[in-house]
Amino acid sequence: WSNFTESGMIDACLDDGGAWSYEQSKCEGAR
């Protein structure tokens, strides 16, 4: 779930201190 679903990737991104870009569907600024 955390590696292959969008909601899991968003959760992991936010847990690492990043910001999720919905337009690009990627994490920015996480450790």
mmCIF file of all heavy atoms, coordinates in Angstrom:
data_MODEL
# 
_entry.id   MODEL 
# 
loop_
_atom_site.group_PDB 
_atom_site.id 
_atom_site.type_symbol 
_atom_site.label_atom_id 
_atom_site.label_alt_id 
_atom_site.label_comp_id 
_atom_site.label_asym_id 
_atom_site.label_entity_id 
_atom_site.label_seq_id 
_atom_site.pdbx_PDB_ins_code 
_atom_site.Cartn_x 
_atom_site.Cartn_y 
_atom_site.Cartn_z 
_atom_site.occupancy 
_atom_site.B_iso_or_equiv 
_atom_site.pdbx_formal_charge 
_atom_site.auth_seq_id 
_atom_site.auth_comp_id 
_atom_site.auth_asym_id 
_atom_site.auth_atom_id 
_atom_site.pdbx_PDB_model_num 
ATOM 1   N N   . TRP A 1 1  ? 0.836  -1.209 0.000   1.00 0.00 ? 1  TRP A N   1 
ATOM 2   C CA  . TRP A 1 1  ? 0.000  0.000  0.000   1.00 0.00 ? 1  TRP A CA  1 
ATOM 3   C C   . TRP A 1 1  ? 0.867  1.253  0.000   1.00 0.00 ? 1  TRP A C   1 
ATOM 4   O O   . TRP A 1 1  ? 0.624  2.179  -0.764  1.00 0.00 ? 1  TRP A O   1 
ATOM 5   C CB  . TRP A 1 1  ? -0.922 -0.011 1.224   1.00 0.00 ? 1  TRP A CB  1 
ATOM 6   C CG  . TRP A 1 1  ? -1.684 1.265  1.380   1.00 0.00 ? 1  TRP A CG  1 
ATOM 7   C CD1 . TRP A 1 1  ? -2.810 1.632  0.702   1.00 0.00 ? 1  TRP A CD1 1 
ATOM 8   C CD2 . TRP A 1 1  ? -1.354 2.358  2.237   1.00 0.00 ? 1  TRP A CD2 1 
ATOM 9   N NE1 . TRP A 1 1  ? -3.195 2.882  1.107   1.00 0.00 ? 1  TRP A NE1 1 
ATOM 10  C CE2 . TRP A 1 1  ? -2.328 3.352  2.042   1.00 0.00 ? 1  TRP A CE2 1 
ATOM 11  C CE3 . TRP A 1 1  ? -0.346 2.586  3.163   1.00 0.00 ? 1  TRP A CE3 1 
ATOM 12  C CZ2 . TRP A 1 1  ? -2.307 4.551  2.728   1.00 0.00 ? 1  TRP A CZ2 1 
ATOM 13  C CZ3 . TRP A 1 1  ? -0.324 3.784  3.853   1.00 0.00 ? 1  TRP A CZ3 1 
ATOM 14  C CH2 . TRP A 1 1  ? -1.303 4.743  3.629   1.00 0.00 ? 1  TRP A CH2 1 
ATOM 15  N N   . SER A 1 2  ? 1.904  1.279  0.840   1.00 0.00 ? 2  SER A N   1 
ATOM 16  C CA  . SER A 1 2  ? 2.707  2.498  0.958   1.00 0.00 ? 2  SER A CA  1 
ATOM 17  C C   . SER A 1 2  ? 3.614  2.738  -0.238  1.00 0.00 ? 2  SER A C   1 
ATOM 18  O O   . SER A 1 2  ? 4.025  3.871  -0.479  1.00 0.00 ? 2  SER A O   1 
ATOM 19  C CB  . SER A 1 2  ? 3.539  2.468  2.236   1.00 0.00 ? 2  SER A CB  1 
ATOM 20  O OG  . SER A 1 2  ? 4.528  1.474  2.171   1.00 0.00 ? 2  SER A OG  1 
ATOM 21  N N   . ASN A 1 3  ? 3.926  1.709  -0.997  1.00 0.00 ? 3  ASN A N   1 
ATOM 22  C CA  . ASN A 1 3  ? 4.826  1.873  -2.133  1.00 0.00 ? 3  ASN A CA  1 
ATOM 23  C C   . ASN A 1 3  ? 4.139  1.927  -3.498  1.00 0.00 ? 3  ASN A C   1 
ATOM 24  O O   . ASN A 1 3  ? 4.726  2.438  -4.445  1.00 0.00 ? 3  ASN A O   1 
ATOM 25  C CB  . ASN A 1 3  ? 5.860  0.746  -2.152  1.00 0.00 ? 3  ASN A CB  1 
ATOM 26  C CG  . ASN A 1 3  ? 6.897  0.931  -1.081  1.00 0.00 ? 3  ASN A CG  1 
ATOM 27  O OD1 . ASN A 1 3  ? 7.688  1.853  -1.127  1.00 0.00 ? 3  ASN A OD1 1 
ATOM 28  N ND2 . ASN A 1 3  ? 6.870  0.067  -0.076  1.00 0.00 ? 3  ASN A ND2 1 
ATOM 29  N N   . PHE A 1 4  ? 2.939  1.409  -3.614  1.00 0.00 ? 4  PHE A N   1 
ATOM 30  C CA  . PHE A 1 4  ? 2.334  1.269  -4.930  1.00 0.00 ? 4  PHE A CA  1 
ATOM 31  C C   . PHE A 1 4  ? 0.960  1.914  -5.082  1.00 0.00 ? 4  PHE A C   1 
ATOM 32  O O   . PHE A 1 4  ? 0.361  1.795  -6.134  1.00 0.00 ? 4  PHE A O   1 
ATOM 33  C CB  . PHE A 1 4  ? 2.247  -0.204 -5.325  1.00 0.00 ? 4  PHE A CB  1 
ATOM 34  C CG  . PHE A 1 4  ? 3.604  -0.830 -5.471  1.00 0.00 ? 4  PHE A CG  1 
ATOM 35  C CD1 . PHE A 1 4  ? 4.076  -1.717 -4.525  1.00 0.00 ? 4  PHE A CD1 1 
ATOM 36  C CD2 . PHE A 1 4  ? 4.421  -0.516 -6.540  1.00 0.00 ? 4  PHE A CD2 1 
ATOM 37  C CE1 . PHE A 1 4  ? 5.330  -2.282 -4.647  1.00 0.00 ? 4  PHE A CE1 1 
ATOM 38  C CE2 . PHE A 1 4  ? 5.673  -1.076 -6.674  1.00 0.00 ? 4  PHE A CE2 1 
ATOM 39  C CZ  . PHE A 1 4  ? 6.131  -1.963 -5.720  1.00 0.00 ? 4  PHE A CZ  1 
ATOM 40  N N   . THR A 1 5  ? 0.453  2.577  -4.045  1.00 0.00 ? 5  THR A N   1 
ATOM 41  C CA  . THR A 1 5  ? -0.806 3.302  -4.195  1.00 0.00 ? 5  THR A CA  1 
ATOM 42  C C   . THR A 1 5  ? -0.523 4.789  -4.005  1.00 0.00 ? 5  THR A C   1 
ATOM 43  O O   . THR A 1 5  ? 0.387  5.168  -3.278  1.00 0.00 ? 5  THR A O   1 
ATOM 44  C CB  . THR A 1 5  ? -1.865 2.850  -3.179  1.00 0.00 ? 5  THR A CB  1 
ATOM 45  O OG1 . THR A 1 5  ? -1.434 3.178  -1.870  1.00 0.00 ? 5  THR A OG1 1 
ATOM 46  C CG2 . THR A 1 5  ? -2.149 1.360  -3.292  1.00 0.00 ? 5  THR A CG2 1 
ATOM 47  N N   . GLU A 1 6  ? -1.287 5.615  -4.674  1.00 0.00 ? 6  GLU A N   1 
ATOM 48  C CA  . GLU A 1 6  ? -1.049 7.053  -4.577  1.00 0.00 ? 6  GLU A CA  1 
ATOM 49  C C   . GLU A 1 6  ? -1.261 7.560  -3.155  1.00 0.00 ? 6  GLU A C   1 
ATOM 50  O O   . GLU A 1 6  ? -0.474 8.352  -2.657  1.00 0.00 ? 6  GLU A O   1 
ATOM 51  C CB  . GLU A 1 6  ? -1.934 7.819  -5.547  1.00 0.00 ? 6  GLU A CB  1 
ATOM 52  C CG  . GLU A 1 6  ? -1.591 9.296  -5.586  1.00 0.00 ? 6  GLU A CG  1 
ATOM 53  C CD  . GLU A 1 6  ? -2.375 10.065 -6.628  1.00 0.00 ? 6  GLU A CD  1 
ATOM 54  O OE1 . GLU A 1 6  ? -3.529 9.717  -6.903  1.00 0.00 ? 6  GLU A OE1 1 
ATOM 55  O OE2 . GLU A 1 6  ? -1.801 11.028 -7.166  1.00 0.00 ? 6  GLU A OE2 1 
ATOM 56  N N   . SER A 1 7  ? -2.286 7.075  -2.487  1.00 0.00 ? 7  SER A N   1 
ATOM 57  C CA  . SER A 1 7  ? -2.524 7.538  -1.118  1.00 0.00 ? 7  SER A CA  1 
ATOM 58  C C   . SER A 1 7  ? -1.394 7.111  -0.191  1.00 0.00 ? 7  SER A C   1 
ATOM 59  O O   . SER A 1 7  ? -1.017 7.851  0.724   1.00 0.00 ? 7  SER A O   1 
ATOM 60  C CB  . SER A 1 7  ? -3.869 7.042  -0.600  1.00 0.00 ? 7  SER A CB  1 
ATOM 61  O OG  . SER A 1 7  ? -3.907 5.630  -0.559  1.00 0.00 ? 7  SER A OG  1 
ATOM 62  N N   . GLY A 1 8  ? -0.817 5.935  -0.427  1.00 0.00 ? 8  GLY A N   1 
ATOM 63  C CA  . GLY A 1 8  ? 0.324  5.491  0.375   1.00 0.00 ? 8  GLY A CA  1 
ATOM 64  C C   . GLY A 1 8  ? 1.561  6.330  0.121   1.00 0.00 ? 8  GLY A C   1 
ATOM 65  O O   . GLY A 1 8  ? 2.306  6.661  1.044   1.00 0.00 ? 8  GLY A O   1 
ATOM 66  N N   . MET A 1 9  ? 1.788  6.694  -1.139  1.00 0.00 ? 9  MET A N   1 
ATOM 67  C CA  . MET A 1 9  ? 2.949  7.529  -1.468  1.00 0.00 ? 9  MET A CA  1 
ATOM 68  C C   . MET A 1 9  ? 2.790  8.932  -0.882  1.00 0.00 ? 9  MET A C   1 
ATOM 69  O O   . MET A 1 9  ? 3.754  9.530  -0.412  1.00 0.00 ? 9  MET A O   1 
ATOM 70  C CB  . MET A 1 9  ? 3.156  7.582  -2.972  1.00 0.00 ? 9  MET A CB  1 
ATOM 71  C CG  . MET A 1 9  ? 3.636  6.259  -3.547  1.00 0.00 ? 9  MET A CG  1 
ATOM 72  S SD  . MET A 1 9  ? 4.035  6.337  -5.300  1.00 0.00 ? 9  MET A SD  1 
ATOM 73  C CE  . MET A 1 9  ? 2.422  6.283  -6.031  1.00 0.00 ? 9  MET A CE  1 
ATOM 74  N N   . ILE A 1 10 ? 1.557  9.459  -0.892  1.00 0.00 ? 10 ILE A N   1 
ATOM 75  C CA  . ILE A 1 10 ? 1.309  10.772 -0.295  1.00 0.00 ? 10 ILE A CA  1 
ATOM 76  C C   . ILE A 1 10 ? 1.582  10.708 1.202   1.00 0.00 ? 10 ILE A C   1 
ATOM 77  O O   . ILE A 1 10 ? 2.244  11.589 1.762   1.00 0.00 ? 10 ILE A O   1 
ATOM 78  C CB  . ILE A 1 10 ? -0.138 11.234 -0.572  1.00 0.00 ? 10 ILE A CB  1 
ATOM 79  C CG1 . ILE A 1 10 ? -0.326 11.512 -2.062  1.00 0.00 ? 10 ILE A CG1 1 
ATOM 80  C CG2 . ILE A 1 10 ? -0.485 12.466 0.254   1.00 0.00 ? 10 ILE A CG2 1 
ATOM 81  C CD1 . ILE A 1 10 ? -1.774 11.726 -2.468  1.00 0.00 ? 10 ILE A CD1 1 
ATOM 82  N N   . ASP A 1 11 ? 1.109  9.671  1.853   1.00 0.00 ? 11 ASP A N   1 
ATOM 83  C CA  . ASP A 1 11 ? 1.310  9.506  3.294   1.00 0.00 ? 11 ASP A CA  1 
ATOM 84  C C   . ASP A 1 11 ? 2.795  9.417  3.626   1.00 0.00 ? 11 ASP A C   1 
ATOM 85  O O   . ASP A 1 11 ? 3.278  10.068 4.556   1.00 0.00 ? 11 ASP A O   1 
ATOM 86  C CB  . ASP A 1 11 ? 0.565  8.263  3.767   1.00 0.00 ? 11 ASP A CB  1 
ATOM 87  C CG  . ASP A 1 11 ? 0.547  8.135  5.274   1.00 0.00 ? 11 ASP A CG  1 
ATOM 88  O OD1 . ASP A 1 11 ? 0.291  9.156  5.948   1.00 0.00 ? 11 ASP A OD1 1 
ATOM 89  O OD2 . ASP A 1 11 ? 0.780  7.021  5.780   1.00 0.00 ? 11 ASP A OD2 1 
ATOM 90  N N   . ALA A 1 12 ? 3.538  8.619  2.865   1.00 0.00 ? 12 ALA A N   1 
ATOM 91  C CA  . ALA A 1 12 ? 4.976  8.481  3.108   1.00 0.00 ? 12 ALA A CA  1 
ATOM 92  C C   . ALA A 1 12 ? 5.699  9.805  2.866   1.00 0.00 ? 12 ALA A C   1 
ATOM 93  O O   . ALA A 1 12 ? 6.618  10.163 3.603   1.00 0.00 ? 12 ALA A O   1 
ATOM 94  C CB  . ALA A 1 12 ? 5.559  7.397  2.213   1.00 0.00 ? 12 ALA A CB  1 
ATOM 95  N N   . CYS A 1 13 ? 5.282  10.544 1.854   1.00 0.00 ? 13 CYS A N   1 
ATOM 96  C CA  . CYS A 1 13 ? 5.877  11.844 1.545   1.00 0.00 ? 13 CYS A CA  1 
ATOM 97  C C   . CYS A 1 13 ? 5.679  12.813 2.708   1.00 0.00 ? 13 CYS A C   1 
ATOM 98  O O   . CYS A 1 13 ? 6.620  13.460 3.165   1.00 0.00 ? 13 CYS A O   1 
ATOM 99  C CB  . CYS A 1 13 ? 5.258  12.401 0.268   1.00 0.00 ? 13 CYS A CB  1 
ATOM 100 S SG  . CYS A 1 13 ? 5.800  14.065 -0.164  1.00 0.00 ? 13 CYS A SG  1 
ATOM 101 N N   . LEU A 1 14 ? 4.445  12.899 3.192   1.00 0.00 ? 14 LEU A N   1 
ATOM 102 C CA  . LEU A 1 14 ? 4.153  13.826 4.279   1.00 0.00 ? 14 LEU A CA  1 
ATOM 103 C C   . LEU A 1 14 ? 4.852  13.411 5.569   1.00 0.00 ? 14 LEU A C   1 
ATOM 104 O O   . LEU A 1 14 ? 5.310  14.262 6.337   1.00 0.00 ? 14 LEU A O   1 
ATOM 105 C CB  . LEU A 1 14 ? 2.639  13.937 4.493   1.00 0.00 ? 14 LEU A CB  1 
ATOM 106 C CG  . LEU A 1 14 ? 1.856  14.494 3.307   1.00 0.00 ? 14 LEU A CG  1 
ATOM 107 C CD1 . LEU A 1 14 ? 0.368  14.477 3.611   1.00 0.00 ? 14 LEU A CD1 1 
ATOM 108 C CD2 . LEU A 1 14 ? 2.327  15.888 2.932   1.00 0.00 ? 14 LEU A CD2 1 
ATOM 109 N N   . ASP A 1 15 ? 4.963  12.097 5.820   1.00 0.00 ? 15 ASP A N   1 
ATOM 110 C CA  . ASP A 1 15 ? 5.675  11.616 7.005   1.00 0.00 ? 15 ASP A CA  1 
ATOM 111 C C   . ASP A 1 15 ? 7.148  12.001 6.967   1.00 0.00 ? 15 ASP A C   1 
ATOM 112 O O   . ASP A 1 15 ? 7.770  12.196 8.007   1.00 0.00 ? 15 ASP A O   1 
ATOM 113 C CB  . ASP A 1 15 ? 5.553  10.098 7.132   1.00 0.00 ? 15 ASP A CB  1 
ATOM 114 C CG  . ASP A 1 15 ? 4.186  9.655  7.623   1.00 0.00 ? 15 ASP A CG  1 
ATOM 115 O OD1 . ASP A 1 15 ? 3.421  10.526 8.093   1.00 0.00 ? 15 ASP A OD1 1 
ATOM 116 O OD2 . ASP A 1 15 ? 3.889  8.454  7.531   1.00 0.00 ? 15 ASP A OD2 1 
ATOM 117 N N   . ASP A 1 16 ? 7.733  12.086 5.769   1.00 0.00 ? 16 ASP A N   1 
ATOM 118 C CA  . ASP A 1 16 ? 9.148  12.442 5.625   1.00 0.00 ? 16 ASP A CA  1 
ATOM 119 C C   . ASP A 1 16 ? 9.365  13.948 5.538   1.00 0.00 ? 16 ASP A C   1 
ATOM 120 O O   . ASP A 1 16 ? 10.460 14.406 5.216   1.00 0.00 ? 16 ASP A O   1 
ATOM 121 C CB  . ASP A 1 16 ? 9.744  11.769 4.389   1.00 0.00 ? 16 ASP A CB  1 
ATOM 122 C CG  . ASP A 1 16 ? 10.046 10.297 4.629   1.00 0.00 ? 16 ASP A CG  1 
ATOM 123 O OD1 . ASP A 1 16 ? 10.082 9.879  5.794   1.00 0.00 ? 16 ASP A OD1 1 
ATOM 124 O OD2 . ASP A 1 16 ? 10.244 9.573  3.638   1.00 0.00 ? 16 ASP A OD2 1 
ATOM 125 N N   . GLY A 1 17 ? 8.327  14.726 5.759   1.00 0.00 ? 17 GLY A N   1 
ATOM 126 C CA  . GLY A 1 17 ? 8.465  16.176 5.781   1.00 0.00 ? 17 GLY A CA  1 
ATOM 127 C C   . GLY A 1 17 ? 8.384  16.837 4.423   1.00 0.00 ? 17 GLY A C   1 
ATOM 128 O O   . GLY A 1 17 ? 8.791  17.985 4.264   1.00 0.00 ? 17 GLY A O   1 
ATOM 129 N N   . GLY A 1 18 ? 7.864  16.147 3.441   1.00 0.00 ? 18 GLY A N   1 
ATOM 130 C CA  . GLY A 1 18 ? 7.777  16.700 2.098   1.00 0.00 ? 18 GLY A CA  1 
ATOM 131 C C   . GLY A 1 18 ? 6.416  17.291 1.802   1.00 0.00 ? 18 GLY A C   1 
ATOM 132 O O   . GLY A 1 18 ? 5.530  17.336 2.656   1.00 0.00 ? 18 GLY A O   1 
ATOM 133 N N   . ALA A 1 19 ? 6.272  17.754 0.588   1.00 0.00 ? 19 ALA A N   1 
ATOM 134 C CA  . ALA A 1 19 ? 5.006  18.299 0.097   1.00 0.00 ? 19 ALA A CA  1 
ATOM 135 C C   . ALA A 1 19 ? 4.621  17.535 -1.159  1.00 0.00 ? 19 ALA A C   1 
ATOM 136 O O   . ALA A 1 19 ? 5.447  17.364 -2.061  1.00 0.00 ? 19 ALA A O   1 
ATOM 137 C CB  . ALA A 1 19 ? 5.150  19.778 -0.215  1.00 0.00 ? 19 ALA A CB  1 
ATOM 138 N N   . TRP A 1 20 ? 3.388  17.062 -1.224  1.00 0.00 ? 20 TRP A N   1 
ATOM 139 C CA  . TRP A 1 20 ? 2.929  16.293 -2.380  1.00 0.00 ? 20 TRP A CA  1 
ATOM 140 C C   . TRP A 1 20 ? 2.422  17.245 -3.444  1.00 0.00 ? 20 TRP A C   1 
ATOM 141 O O   . TRP A 1 20 ? 1.594  18.106 -3.190  1.00 0.00 ? 20 TRP A O   1 
ATOM 142 C CB  . TRP A 1 20 ? 1.830  15.328 -1.963  1.00 0.00 ? 20 TRP A CB  1 
ATOM 143 C CG  . TRP A 1 20 ? 1.401  14.455 -3.091  1.00 0.00 ? 20 TRP A CG  1 
ATOM 144 C CD1 . TRP A 1 20 ? 0.293  14.614 -3.858  1.00 0.00 ? 20 TRP A CD1 1 
ATOM 145 C CD2 . TRP A 1 20 ? 2.080  13.310 -3.593  1.00 0.00 ? 20 TRP A CD2 1 
ATOM 146 N NE1 . TRP A 1 20 ? 0.240  13.624 -4.812  1.00 0.00 ? 20 TRP A NE1 1 
ATOM 147 C CE2 . TRP A 1 20 ? 1.312  12.815 -4.676  1.00 0.00 ? 20 TRP A CE2 1 
ATOM 148 C CE3 . TRP A 1 20 ? 3.253  12.653 -3.250  1.00 0.00 ? 20 TRP A CE3 1 
ATOM 149 C CZ2 . TRP A 1 20 ? 1.694  11.689 -5.391  1.00 0.00 ? 20 TRP A CZ2 1 
ATOM 150 C CZ3 . TRP A 1 20 ? 3.630  11.533 -3.967  1.00 0.00 ? 20 TRP A CZ3 1 
ATOM 151 C CH2 . TRP A 1 20 ? 2.859  11.064 -5.030  1.00 0.00 ? 20 TRP A CH2 1 
ATOM 152 N N   . SER A 1 21 ? 2.925  17.085 -4.659  1.00 0.00 ? 21 SER A N   1 
ATOM 153 C CA  . SER A 1 21 ? 2.469  17.875 -5.795  1.00 0.00 ? 21 SER A CA  1 
ATOM 154 C C   . SER A 1 21 ? 1.421  17.068 -6.547  1.00 0.00 ? 21 SER A C   1 
ATOM 155 O O   . SER A 1 21 ? 1.744  16.075 -7.201  1.00 0.00 ? 21 SER A O   1 
ATOM 156 C CB  . SER A 1 21 ? 3.641  18.199 -6.725  1.00 0.00 ? 21 SER A CB  1 
ATOM 157 O OG  . SER A 1 21 ? 3.171  18.786 -7.913  1.00 0.00 ? 21 SER A OG  1 
ATOM 158 N N   . TYR A 1 22 ? 0.160  17.476 -6.431  1.00 0.00 ? 22 TYR A N   1 
ATOM 159 C CA  . TYR A 1 22 ? -0.916 16.745 -7.096  1.00 0.00 ? 22 TYR A CA  1 
ATOM 160 C C   . TYR A 1 22 ? -0.838 16.885 -8.616  1.00 0.00 ? 22 TYR A C   1 
ATOM 161 O O   . TYR A 1 22 ? -1.192 15.972 -9.341  1.00 0.00 ? 22 TYR A O   1 
ATOM 162 C CB  . TYR A 1 22 ? -2.277 17.227 -6.595  1.00 0.00 ? 22 TYR A CB  1 
ATOM 163 C CG  . TYR A 1 22 ? -2.581 16.727 -5.205  1.00 0.00 ? 22 TYR A CG  1 
ATOM 164 C CD1 . TYR A 1 22 ? -2.305 17.505 -4.095  1.00 0.00 ? 22 TYR A CD1 1 
ATOM 165 C CD2 . TYR A 1 22 ? -3.119 15.469 -5.013  1.00 0.00 ? 22 TYR A CD2 1 
ATOM 166 C CE1 . TYR A 1 22 ? -2.571 17.035 -2.821  1.00 0.00 ? 22 TYR A CE1 1 
ATOM 167 C CE2 . TYR A 1 22 ? -3.387 14.994 -3.748  1.00 0.00 ? 22 TYR A CE2 1 
ATOM 168 C CZ  . TYR A 1 22 ? -3.118 15.783 -2.654  1.00 0.00 ? 22 TYR A CZ  1 
ATOM 169 O OH  . TYR A 1 22 ? -3.364 15.315 -1.396  1.00 0.00 ? 22 TYR A OH  1 
ATOM 170 N N   . GLU A 1 23 ? -0.365 18.022 -9.092  1.00 0.00 ? 23 GLU A N   1 
ATOM 171 C CA  . GLU A 1 23 ? -0.266 18.221 -10.539 1.00 0.00 ? 23 GLU A CA  1 
ATOM 172 C C   . GLU A 1 23 ? 0.760  17.284 -11.163 1.00 0.00 ? 23 GLU A C   1 
ATOM 173 O O   . GLU A 1 23 ? 0.568  16.765 -12.255 1.00 0.00 ? 23 GLU A O   1 
ATOM 174 C CB  . GLU A 1 23 ? 0.118  19.673 -10.857 1.00 0.00 ? 23 GLU A CB  1 
ATOM 175 C CG  . GLU A 1 23 ? -0.928 20.692 -10.476 1.00 0.00 ? 23 GLU A CG  1 
ATOM 176 C CD  . GLU A 1 23 ? -0.867 21.076 -9.002  1.00 0.00 ? 23 GLU A CD  1 
ATOM 177 O OE1 . GLU A 1 23 ? 0.185  20.864 -8.358  1.00 0.00 ? 23 GLU A OE1 1 
ATOM 178 O OE2 . GLU A 1 23 ? -1.869 21.568 -8.489  1.00 0.00 ? 23 GLU A OE2 1 
ATOM 179 N N   . GLN A 1 24 ? 1.883  17.091 -10.467 1.00 0.00 ? 24 GLN A N   1 
ATOM 180 C CA  . GLN A 1 24 ? 2.955  16.245 -11.006 1.00 0.00 ? 24 GLN A CA  1 
ATOM 181 C C   . GLN A 1 24 ? 2.926  14.830 -10.429 1.00 0.00 ? 24 GLN A C   1 
ATOM 182 O O   . GLN A 1 24 ? 3.710  13.979 -10.849 1.00 0.00 ? 24 GLN A O   1 
ATOM 183 C CB  . GLN A 1 24 ? 4.306  16.889 -10.707 1.00 0.00 ? 24 GLN A CB  1 
ATOM 184 C CG  . GLN A 1 24 ? 4.474  18.248 -11.352 1.00 0.00 ? 24 GLN A CG  1 
ATOM 185 C CD  . GLN A 1 24 ? 5.783  18.914 -10.954 1.00 0.00 ? 24 GLN A CD  1 
ATOM 186 O OE1 . GLN A 1 24 ? 6.529  18.407 -10.115 1.00 0.00 ? 24 GLN A OE1 1 
ATOM 187 N NE2 . GLN A 1 24 ? 6.063  20.050 -11.552 1.00 0.00 ? 24 GLN A NE2 1 
ATOM 188 N N   . SER A 1 25 ? 2.075  14.605 -9.449  1.00 0.00 ? 25 SER A N   1 
ATOM 189 C CA  . SER A 1 25 ? 1.982  13.297 -8.754  1.00 0.00 ? 25 SER A CA  1 
ATOM 190 C C   . SER A 1 25 ? 3.337  12.835 -8.248  1.00 0.00 ? 25 SER A C   1 
ATOM 191 O O   . SER A 1 25 ? 3.754  11.707 -8.464  1.00 0.00 ? 25 SER A O   1 
ATOM 192 C CB  . SER A 1 25 ? 1.385  12.239 -9.678  1.00 0.00 ? 25 SER A CB  1 
ATOM 193 O OG  . SER A 1 25 ? 0.044  12.535 -9.955  1.00 0.00 ? 25 SER A OG  1 
ATOM 194 N N   . LYS A 1 26 ? 4.026  13.758 -7.554  1.00 0.00 ? 26 LYS A N   1 
ATOM 195 C CA  . LYS A 1 26 ? 5.307  13.383 -6.975  1.00 0.00 ? 26 LYS A CA  1 
ATOM 196 C C   . LYS A 1 26 ? 5.550  14.160 -5.691  1.00 0.00 ? 26 LYS A C   1 
ATOM 197 O O   . LYS A 1 26 ? 4.929  15.176 -5.431  1.00 0.00 ? 26 LYS A O   1 
ATOM 198 C CB  . LYS A 1 26 ? 6.460  13.565 -7.948  1.00 0.00 ? 26 LYS A CB  1 
ATOM 199 C CG  . LYS A 1 26 ? 6.810  14.997 -8.248  1.00 0.00 ? 26 LYS A CG  1 
ATOM 200 C CD  . LYS A 1 26 ? 8.027  15.056 -9.159  1.00 0.00 ? 26 LYS A CD  1 
ATOM 201 C CE  . LYS A 1 26 ? 8.641  16.431 -9.116  1.00 0.00 ? 26 LYS A CE  1 
ATOM 202 N NZ  . LYS A 1 26 ? 9.876  16.499 -9.861  1.00 0.00 ? 26 LYS A NZ  1 
ATOM 203 N N   . CYS A 1 27 ? 6.500  13.659 -4.925  1.00 0.00 ? 27 CYS A N   1 
ATOM 204 C CA  . CYS A 1 27 ? 6.865  14.248 -3.658  1.00 0.00 ? 27 CYS A CA  1 
ATOM 205 C C   . CYS A 1 27 ? 7.997  15.244 -3.849  1.00 0.00 ? 27 CYS A C   1 
ATOM 206 O O   . CYS A 1 27 ? 8.930  14.997 -4.604  1.00 0.00 ? 27 CYS A O   1 
ATOM 207 C CB  . CYS A 1 27 ? 7.304  13.133 -2.706  1.00 0.00 ? 27 CYS A CB  1 
ATOM 208 S SG  . CYS A 1 27 ? 7.631  13.691 -1.044  1.00 0.00 ? 27 CYS A SG  1 
ATOM 209 N N   . GLU A 1 28 ? 7.902  16.368 -3.168  1.00 0.00 ? 28 GLU A N   1 
ATOM 210 C CA  . GLU A 1 28 ? 8.948  17.391 -3.250  1.00 0.00 ? 28 GLU A CA  1 
ATOM 211 C C   . GLU A 1 28 ? 9.428  17.776 -1.860  1.00 0.00 ? 28 GLU A C   1 
ATOM 212 O O   . GLU A 1 28 ? 8.616  18.073 -0.995  1.00 0.00 ? 28 GLU A O   1 
ATOM 213 C CB  . GLU A 1 28 ? 8.411  18.625 -3.982  1.00 0.00 ? 28 GLU A CB  1 
ATOM 214 C CG  . GLU A 1 28 ? 7.990  18.347 -5.401  1.00 0.00 ? 28 GLU A CG  1 
ATOM 215 C CD  . GLU A 1 28 ? 7.318  19.539 -6.068  1.00 0.00 ? 28 GLU A CD  1 
ATOM 216 O OE1 . GLU A 1 28 ? 6.968  20.487 -5.360  1.00 0.00 ? 28 GLU A OE1 1 
ATOM 217 O OE2 . GLU A 1 28 ? 7.152  19.482 -7.298  1.00 0.00 ? 28 GLU A OE2 1 
ATOM 218 N N   . GLY A 1 29 ? 10.729 17.751 -1.650  1.00 0.00 ? 29 GLY A N   1 
ATOM 219 C CA  . GLY A 1 29 ? 11.310 18.237 -0.424  1.00 0.00 ? 29 GLY A CA  1 
ATOM 220 C C   . GLY A 1 29 ? 11.368 17.275 0.733   1.00 0.00 ? 29 GLY A C   1 
ATOM 221 O O   . GLY A 1 29 ? 11.743 17.648 1.829   1.00 0.00 ? 29 GLY A O   1 
ATOM 222 N N   . ALA A 1 30 ? 11.037 16.008 0.530   1.00 0.00 ? 30 ALA A N   1 
ATOM 223 C CA  . ALA A 1 30 ? 11.105 15.043 1.619   1.00 0.00 ? 30 ALA A CA  1 
ATOM 224 C C   . ALA A 1 30 ? 12.537 14.535 1.786   1.00 0.00 ? 30 ALA A C   1 
ATOM 225 O O   . ALA A 1 30 ? 13.340 14.579 0.850   1.00 0.00 ? 30 ALA A O   1 
ATOM 226 C CB  . ALA A 1 30 ? 10.178 13.863 1.360   1.00 0.00 ? 30 ALA A CB  1 
ATOM 227 N N   . ARG A 1 31 ? 12.840 14.079 2.967   1.00 0.00 ? 31 ARG A N   1 
ATOM 228 C CA  . ARG A 1 31 ? 14.190 13.557 3.247   1.00 0.00 ? 31 ARG A CA  1 
ATOM 229 C C   . ARG A 1 31 ? 14.533 12.358 2.384   1.00 0.00 ? 31 ARG A C   1 
ATOM 230 O O   . ARG A 1 31 ? 15.674 12.163 2.018   1.00 0.00 ? 31 ARG A O   1 
ATOM 231 C CB  . ARG A 1 31 ? 14.307 13.191 4.716   1.00 0.00 ? 31 ARG A CB  1 
ATOM 232 C CG  . ARG A 1 31 ? 14.218 14.373 5.643   1.00 0.00 ? 31 ARG A CG  1 
ATOM 233 C CD  . ARG A 1 31 ? 14.446 13.965 7.084   1.00 0.00 ? 31 ARG A CD  1 
ATOM 234 N NE  . ARG A 1 31 ? 13.403 13.076 7.570   1.00 0.00 ? 31 ARG A NE  1 
ATOM 235 C CZ  . ARG A 1 31 ? 12.305 13.469 8.186   1.00 0.00 ? 31 ARG A CZ  1 
ATOM 236 N NH1 . ARG A 1 31 ? 12.097 14.744 8.391   1.00 0.00 ? 31 ARG A NH1 1 
ATOM 237 N NH2 . ARG A 1 31 ? 11.423 12.603 8.615   1.00 0.00 ? 31 ARG A NH2 1 
# 
